[in-house]
Amino acid sequence: MSVIQRLQAPTPRFFKVLRTIGLSLVAASGALVASPIALPAAIVSLAGYLAVAGSVVTAVSQTAVEKEGE
């Protein structure tokens, strides 16, 4: 199965939930990084880690596919 076919195949429900959580983490980190007030460096750094974690969870969840015949 090619990558394109894998991305277009149906995604199991559990991984759809994980994908939504990952996208939420990315959105929250983007809001923290782009906030108009000055935040401590630790929070900005944490936001960067949340962005990476959310991106990885989203990418892995998107490539999960249901087994055929089940």
PDB file of N, CA and C in Angstrom:
ATOM      1  N   MET A   1       0.851  -1.168   0.000  1.00  0.00           N
ATOM      2  CA  MET A   1       0.000   0.000   0.000  1.00  0.00           C
ATOM      3  C   MET A   1       0.902   1.238   0.000  1.00  0.00           C
ATOM      4  N   SER A   2       0.671   2.130  -0.944  1.00  0.00           N
ATOM      5  CA  SER A   2       1.486   3.342  -1.035  1.00  0.00           C
ATOM      6  C   SER A   2       1.037   4.360   0.019  1.00  0.00           C
ATOM      7  N   VAL A   3       1.823   5.387   0.190  1.00  0.00           N
ATOM      8  CA  VAL A   3       1.509   6.408   1.184  1.00  0.00           C
ATOM      9  C   VAL A   3       0.210   7.131   0.814  1.00  0.00           C
ATOM     10  N   ILE A   4       0.035   7.419  -0.458  1.00  0.00           N
ATOM     11  CA  ILE A   4      -1.183   8.111  -0.907  1.00  0.00           C
ATOM     12  C   ILE A   4      -2.412   7.244  -0.633  1.00  0.00           C
ATOM     13  N   GLN A   5      -2.334   5.961  -0.947  1.00  0.00           N
ATOM     14  CA  GLN A   5      -3.458   5.055  -0.682  1.00  0.00           C
ATOM     15  C   GLN A   5      -3.730   4.958   0.815  1.00  0.00           C
ATOM     16  N   ARG A   6      -2.667   4.932   1.606  1.00  0.00           N
ATOM     17  CA  ARG A   6      -2.814   4.841   3.053  1.00  0.00           C
ATOM     18  C   ARG A   6      -3.511   6.087   3.604  1.00  0.00           C
ATOM     19  N   LEU A   7      -3.163   7.259   3.091  1.00  0.00           N
ATOM     20  CA  LEU A   7      -3.782   8.494   3.566  1.00  0.00           C
ATOM     21  C   LEU A   7      -5.240   8.600   3.145  1.00  0.00           C
ATOM     22  N   GLN A   8      -5.600   7.976   2.032  1.00  0.00           N
ATOM     23  CA  GLN A   8      -6.969   8.043   1.541  1.00  0.00           C
ATOM     24  C   GLN A   8      -7.857   6.932   2.087  1.00  0.00           C
ATOM     25  N   ALA A   9      -7.282   5.927   2.737  1.00  0.00           N
ATOM     26  CA  ALA A   9      -8.052   4.808   3.276  1.00  0.00           C
ATOM     27  C   ALA A   9      -8.810   5.250   4.537  1.00  0.00           C
ATOM     28  N   PRO A  10      -9.872   4.523   4.892  1.00  0.00           N
ATOM     29  CA  PRO A  10     -10.636   4.873   6.105  1.00  0.00           C
ATOM     30  C   PRO A  10      -9.781   4.771   7.364  1.00  0.00           C
ATOM     31  N   THR A  11      -9.977   5.715   8.280  1.00  0.00           N
ATOM     32  CA  THR A  11      -9.235   5.757   9.537  1.00  0.00           C
ATOM     33  C   THR A  11     -10.116   5.207  10.656  1.00  0.00           C
ATOM     34  N   PRO A  12      -9.578   4.343  11.525  1.00  0.00           N
ATOM     35  CA  PRO A  12     -10.360   3.833  12.659  1.00  0.00           C
ATOM     36  C   PRO A  12     -10.789   4.975  13.598  1.00  0.00           C
ATOM     37  N   ARG A  13     -11.872   4.752  14.321  1.00  0.00           N
ATOM     38  CA  ARG A  13     -12.449   5.783  15.185  1.00  0.00           C
ATOM     39  C   ARG A  13     -11.461   6.256  16.241  1.00  0.00           C
ATOM     40  N   PHE A  14     -10.725   5.332  16.872  1.00  0.00           N
ATOM     41  CA  PHE A  14      -9.753   5.687  17.906  1.00  0.00           C
ATOM     42  C   PHE A  14      -8.717   6.671  17.366  1.00  0.00           C
ATOM     43  N   PHE A  15      -8.243   6.437  16.166  1.00  0.00           N
ATOM     44  CA  PHE A  15      -7.219   7.307  15.596  1.00  0.00           C
ATOM     45  C   PHE A  15      -7.800   8.638  15.135  1.00  0.00           C
ATOM     46  N   LYS A  16      -9.093   8.671  14.831  1.00  0.00           N
ATOM     47  CA  LYS A  16      -9.737   9.954  14.533  1.00  0.00           C
ATOM     48  C   LYS A  16      -9.762  10.836  15.777  1.00  0.00           C
ATOM     49  N   VAL A  17     -10.026  10.210  16.931  1.00  0.00           N
ATOM     50  CA  VAL A  17     -10.018  10.953  18.189  1.00  0.00           C
ATOM     51  C   VAL A  17      -8.614  11.455  18.494  1.00  0.00           C
ATOM     52  N   LEU A  18      -7.609  10.584  18.317  1.00  0.00           N
ATOM     53  CA  LEU A  18      -6.223  11.006  18.540  1.00  0.00           C
ATOM     54  C   LEU A  18      -5.820  12.138  17.599  1.00  0.00           C
ATOM     55  N   ARG A  19      -6.276  12.068  16.359  1.00  0.00           N
ATOM     56  CA  ARG A  19      -5.958  13.121  15.388  1.00  0.00           C
ATOM     57  C   ARG A  19      -6.541  14.454  15.845  1.00  0.00           C
ATOM     58  N   THR A  20      -7.755  14.423  16.368  1.00  0.00           N
ATOM     59  CA  THR A  20      -8.394  15.640  16.863  1.00  0.00           C
ATOM     60  C   THR A  20      -7.635  16.198  18.063  1.00  0.00           C
ATOM     61  N   ILE A  21      -7.198  15.322  18.961  1.00  0.00           N
ATOM     62  CA  ILE A  21      -6.410  15.769  20.116  1.00  0.00           C
ATOM     63  C   ILE A  21      -5.097  16.392  19.645  1.00  0.00           C
ATOM     64  N   GLY A  22      -4.446  15.774  18.677  1.00  0.00           N
ATOM     65  CA  GLY A  22      -3.193  16.314  18.146  1.00  0.00           C
ATOM     66  C   GLY A  22      -3.377  17.686  17.521  1.00  0.00           C
ATOM     67  N   LEU A  23      -4.454  17.836  16.764  1.00  0.00           N
ATOM     68  CA  LEU A  23      -4.720  19.142  16.152  1.00  0.00           C
ATOM     69  C   LEU A  23      -5.026  20.192  17.218  1.00  0.00           C
ATOM     70  N   SER A  24      -5.683  19.784  18.291  1.00  0.00           N
ATOM     71  CA  SER A  24      -5.967  20.710  19.395  1.00  0.00           C
ATOM     72  C   SER A  24      -4.679  21.152  20.080  1.00  0.00           C
ATOM     73  N   LEU A  25      -3.740  20.221  20.264  1.00  0.00           N
ATOM     74  CA  LEU A  25      -2.453  20.581  20.857  1.00  0.00           C
ATOM     75  C   LEU A  25      -1.700  21.584  19.987  1.00  0.00           C
ATOM     76  N   VAL A  26      -1.733  21.369  18.688  1.00  0.00           N
ATOM     77  CA  VAL A  26      -1.056  22.297  17.770  1.00  0.00           C
ATOM     78  C   VAL A  26      -1.709  23.672  17.819  1.00  0.00           C
ATOM     79  N   ALA A  27      -3.034  23.712  17.870  1.00  0.00           N
ATOM     80  CA  ALA A  27      -3.738  24.996  17.933  1.00  0.00           C
ATOM     81  C   ALA A  27      -3.448  25.728  19.240  1.00  0.00           C
ATOM     82  N   ALA A  28      -3.432  24.990  20.344  1.00  0.00           N
ATOM     83  CA  ALA A  28      -3.145  25.612  21.637  1.00  0.00           C
ATOM     84  C   ALA A  28      -1.721  26.155  21.681  1.00  0.00           C
ATOM     85  N   SER A  29      -0.787  25.397  21.140  1.00  0.00           N
ATOM     86  CA  SER A  29       0.597  25.874  21.148  1.00  0.00           C
ATOM     87  C   SER A  29       0.756  27.097  20.249  1.00  0.00           C
ATOM     88  N   GLY A  30       0.052  27.110  19.135  1.00  0.00           N
ATOM     89  CA  GLY A  30       0.105  28.286  18.261  1.00  0.00           C
ATOM     90  C   GLY A  30      -0.454  29.519  18.942  1.00  0.00           C
ATOM     91  N   ALA A  31      -1.516  29.331  19.724  1.00  0.00           N
ATOM     92  CA  ALA A  31      -2.089  30.465  20.452  1.00  0.00           C
ATOM     93  C   ALA A  31      -1.118  30.979  21.518  1.00  0.00           C
ATOM     94  N   LEU A  32      -0.418  30.069  22.176  1.00  0.00           N
ATOM     95  CA  LEU A  32       0.550  30.496  23.194  1.00  0.00           C
ATOM     96  C   LEU A  32       1.731  31.236  22.577  1.00  0.00           C
ATOM     97  N   VAL A  33       2.226  30.717  21.470  1.00  0.00           N
ATOM     98  CA  VAL A  33       3.387  31.351  20.830  1.00  0.00           C
ATOM     99  C   VAL A  33       3.015  32.719  20.262  1.00  0.00           C
ATOM    100  N   ALA A  34       1.810  32.845  19.729  1.00  0.00           N
ATOM    101  CA  ALA A  34       1.403  34.092  19.080  1.00  0.00           C
ATOM    102  C   ALA A  34       0.670  35.055  20.018  1.00  0.00           C
ATOM    103  N   SER A  35       0.666  34.785  21.305  1.00  0.00           N
ATOM    104  CA  SER A  35      -0.063  35.660  22.229  1.00  0.00           C
ATOM    105  C   SER A  35       0.575  37.056  22.259  1.00  0.00           C
ATOM    106  N   PRO A  36      -0.269  38.071  22.373  1.00  0.00           N
ATOM    107  CA  PRO A  36       0.250  39.443  22.333  1.00  0.00           C
ATOM    108  C   PRO A  36       0.945  39.867  23.625  1.00  0.00           C
ATOM    109  N   ILE A  37       0.792  39.103  24.709  1.00  0.00           N
ATOM    110  CA  ILE A  37       1.452  39.481  25.956  1.00  0.00           C
ATOM    111  C   ILE A  37       2.753  38.695  26.095  1.00  0.00           C
ATOM    112  N   ALA A  38       3.657  39.215  26.854  1.00  0.00           N
ATOM    113  CA  ALA A  38       4.947  38.553  27.068  1.00  0.00           C
ATOM    114  C   ALA A  38       4.750  37.382  28.038  1.00  0.00           C
ATOM    115  N   LEU A  39       5.152  36.210  27.607  1.00  0.00           N
ATOM    116  CA  LEU A  39       5.049  35.020  28.445  1.00  0.00           C
ATOM    117  C   LEU A  39       6.442  34.573  28.864  1.00  0.00           C
ATOM    118  N   PRO A  40       6.538  33.882  29.988  1.00  0.00           N
ATOM    119  CA  PRO A  40       7.853  33.367  30.398  1.00  0.00           C
ATOM    120  C   PRO A  40       8.421  32.408  29.346  1.00  0.00           C
ATOM    121  N   ALA A  41       9.714  32.329  29.328  1.00  0.00           N
ATOM    122  CA  ALA A  41      10.384  31.491  28.332  1.00  0.00           C
ATOM    123  C   ALA A  41       9.994  30.025  28.473  1.00  0.00           C
ATOM    124  N   ALA A  42       9.735  29.571  29.682  1.00  0.00           N
ATOM    125  CA  ALA A  42       9.352  28.170  29.904  1.00  0.00           C
ATOM    126  C   ALA A  42       8.030  27.847  29.207  1.00  0.00           C
ATOM    127  N   ILE A  43       7.091  28.771  29.234  1.00  0.00           N
ATOM    128  CA  ILE A  43       5.789  28.533  28.595  1.00  0.00           C
ATOM    129  C   ILE A  43       5.932  28.525  27.080  1.00  0.00           C
ATOM    130  N   VAL A  44       6.729  29.422  26.549  1.00  0.00           N
ATOM    131  CA  VAL A  44       6.960  29.459  25.104  1.00  0.00           C
ATOM    132  C   VAL A  44       7.674  28.186  24.656  1.00  0.00           C
ATOM    133  N   SER A  45       8.617  27.735  25.458  1.00  0.00           N
ATOM    134  CA  SER A  45       9.327  26.498  25.148  1.00  0.00           C
ATOM    135  C   SER A  45       8.372  25.306  25.199  1.00  0.00           C
ATOM    136  N   LEU A  46       7.510  25.265  26.210  1.00  0.00           N
ATOM    137  CA  LEU A  46       6.509  24.204  26.327  1.00  0.00           C
ATOM    138  C   LEU A  46       5.567  24.217  25.120  1.00  0.00           C
ATOM    139  N   ALA A  47       5.216  25.387  24.652  1.00  0.00           N
ATOM    140  CA  ALA A  47       4.347  25.498  23.481  1.00  0.00           C
ATOM    141  C   ALA A  47       5.014  24.890  22.248  1.00  0.00           C
ATOM    142  N   GLY A  48       6.308  25.073  22.126  1.00  0.00           N
ATOM    143  CA  GLY A  48       7.039  24.461  21.015  1.00  0.00           C
ATOM    144  C   GLY A  48       7.007  22.947  21.088  1.00  0.00           C
ATOM    145  N   TYR A  49       7.188  22.407  22.286  1.00  0.00           N
ATOM    146  CA  TYR A  49       7.122  20.955  22.463  1.00  0.00           C
ATOM    147  C   TYR A  49       5.716  20.427  22.192  1.00  0.00           C
ATOM    148  N   LEU A  50       4.697  21.181  22.600  1.00  0.00           N
ATOM    149  CA  LEU A  50       3.315  20.774  22.314  1.00  0.00           C
ATOM    150  C   LEU A  50       3.045  20.750  20.814  1.00  0.00           C
ATOM    151  N   ALA A  51       3.603  21.694  20.100  1.00  0.00           N
ATOM    152  CA  ALA A  51       3.422  21.736  18.648  1.00  0.00           C
ATOM    153  C   ALA A  51       4.040  20.506  17.993  1.00  0.00           C
ATOM    154  N   VAL A  52       5.230  20.137  18.430  1.00  0.00           N
ATOM    155  CA  VAL A  52       5.888  18.957  17.868  1.00  0.00           C
ATOM    156  C   VAL A  52       5.100  17.696  18.214  1.00  0.00           C
ATOM    157  N   ALA A  53       4.709  17.552  19.472  1.00  0.00           N
ATOM    158  CA  ALA A  53       3.954  16.368  19.892  1.00  0.00           C
ATOM    159  C   ALA A  53       2.618  16.270  19.160  1.00  0.00           C
ATOM    160  N   GLY A  54       1.921  17.376  19.041  1.00  0.00           N
ATOM    161  CA  GLY A  54       0.644  17.376  18.329  1.00  0.00           C
ATOM    162  C   GLY A  54       0.803  17.035  16.857  1.00  0.00           C
ATOM    163  N   SER A  55       1.867  17.518  16.246  1.00  0.00           N
ATOM    164  CA  SER A  55       2.117  17.215  14.833  1.00  0.00           C
ATOM    165  C   SER A  55       2.410  15.739  14.623  1.00  0.00           C
ATOM    166  N   VAL A  56       3.201  15.162  15.517  1.00  0.00           N
ATOM    167  CA  VAL A  56       3.536  13.737  15.400  1.00  0.00           C
ATOM    168  C   VAL A  56       2.299  12.871  15.606  1.00  0.00           C
ATOM    169  N   VAL A  57       1.514  13.185  16.639  1.00  0.00           N
ATOM    170  CA  VAL A  57       0.288  12.417  16.901  1.00  0.00           C
ATOM    171  C   VAL A  57      -0.666  12.516  15.713  1.00  0.00           C
ATOM    172  N   THR A  58      -0.806  13.688  15.151  1.00  0.00           N
ATOM    173  CA  THR A  58      -1.695  13.879  14.012  1.00  0.00           C
ATOM    174  C   THR A  58      -1.215  13.099  12.792  1.00  0.00           C
ATOM    175  N   ALA A  59       0.072  13.152  12.511  1.00  0.00           N
ATOM    176  CA  ALA A  59       0.608  12.447  11.341  1.00  0.00           C
ATOM    177  C   ALA A  59       0.472  10.937  11.487  1.00  0.00           C
ATOM    178  N   VAL A  60       0.801  10.419  12.656  1.00  0.00           N
ATOM    179  CA  VAL A  60       0.693   8.969  12.869  1.00  0.00           C
ATOM    180  C   VAL A  60      -0.762   8.533  12.806  1.00  0.00           C
ATOM    181  N   SER A  61      -1.650   9.314  13.400  1.00  0.00           N
ATOM    182  CA  SER A  61      -3.068   8.956  13.399  1.00  0.00           C
ATOM    183  C   SER A  61      -3.660   8.981  11.992  1.00  0.00           C
ATOM    184  N   GLN A  62      -3.184   9.884  11.167  1.00  0.00           N
ATOM    185  CA  GLN A  62      -3.715   9.983   9.811  1.00  0.00           C
ATOM    186  C   GLN A  62      -3.303   8.784   8.961  1.00  0.00           C
ATOM    187  N   THR A  63      -2.169   8.187   9.239  1.00  0.00           N
ATOM    188  CA  THR A  63      -1.709   7.071   8.416  1.00  0.00           C
ATOM    189  C   THR A  63      -2.207   5.718   8.905  1.00  0.00           C
ATOM    190  N   ALA A  64      -2.912   5.667  10.031  1.00  0.00           N
ATOM    191  CA  ALA A  64      -3.479   4.398  10.503  1.00  0.00           C
ATOM    192  C   ALA A  64      -4.688   4.042   9.639  1.00  0.00           C
ATOM    193  N   VAL A  65      -4.787   2.779   9.264  1.00  0.00           N
ATOM    194  CA  VAL A  65      -5.905   2.334   8.420  1.00  0.00           C
ATOM    195  C   VAL A  65      -6.591   1.123   9.041  1.00  0.00           C
ATOM    196  N   GLU A  66      -7.853   0.946   8.694  1.00  0.00           N
ATOM    197  CA  GLU A  66      -8.593  -0.218   9.141  1.00  0.00           C
ATOM    198  C   GLU A  66      -8.171  -1.421   8.318  1.00  0.00           C
ATOM    199  N   LYS A  67      -8.158  -2.590   8.954  1.00  0.00           N
ATOM    200  CA  LYS A  67      -7.849  -3.805   8.216  1.00  0.00           C
ATOM    201  C   LYS A  67      -9.020  -4.128   7.282  1.00  0.00           C
ATOM    202  N   GLU A  68      -8.692  -4.622   6.121  1.00  0.00           N
ATOM    203  CA  GLU A  68      -9.742  -4.997   5.187  1.00  0.00           C
ATOM    204  C   GLU A  68     -10.359  -6.304   5.643  1.00  0.00           C
ATOM    205  N   GLY A  69     -11.662  -6.397   5.540  1.00  0.00           N
ATOM    206  CA  GLY A  69     -12.361  -7.612   5.907  1.00  0.00           C
ATOM    207  C   GLY A  69     -12.839  -7.631   7.353  1.00  0.00           C
ATOM    208  N   GLU A  70     -12.615  -6.562   8.096  1.00  0.00           N
ATOM    209  CA  GLU A  70     -13.085  -6.522   9.485  1.00  0.00           C
ATOM    210  C   GLU A  70     -14.177  -5.506   9.632  1.00  0.00           C
TER     211      GLU A  70
END
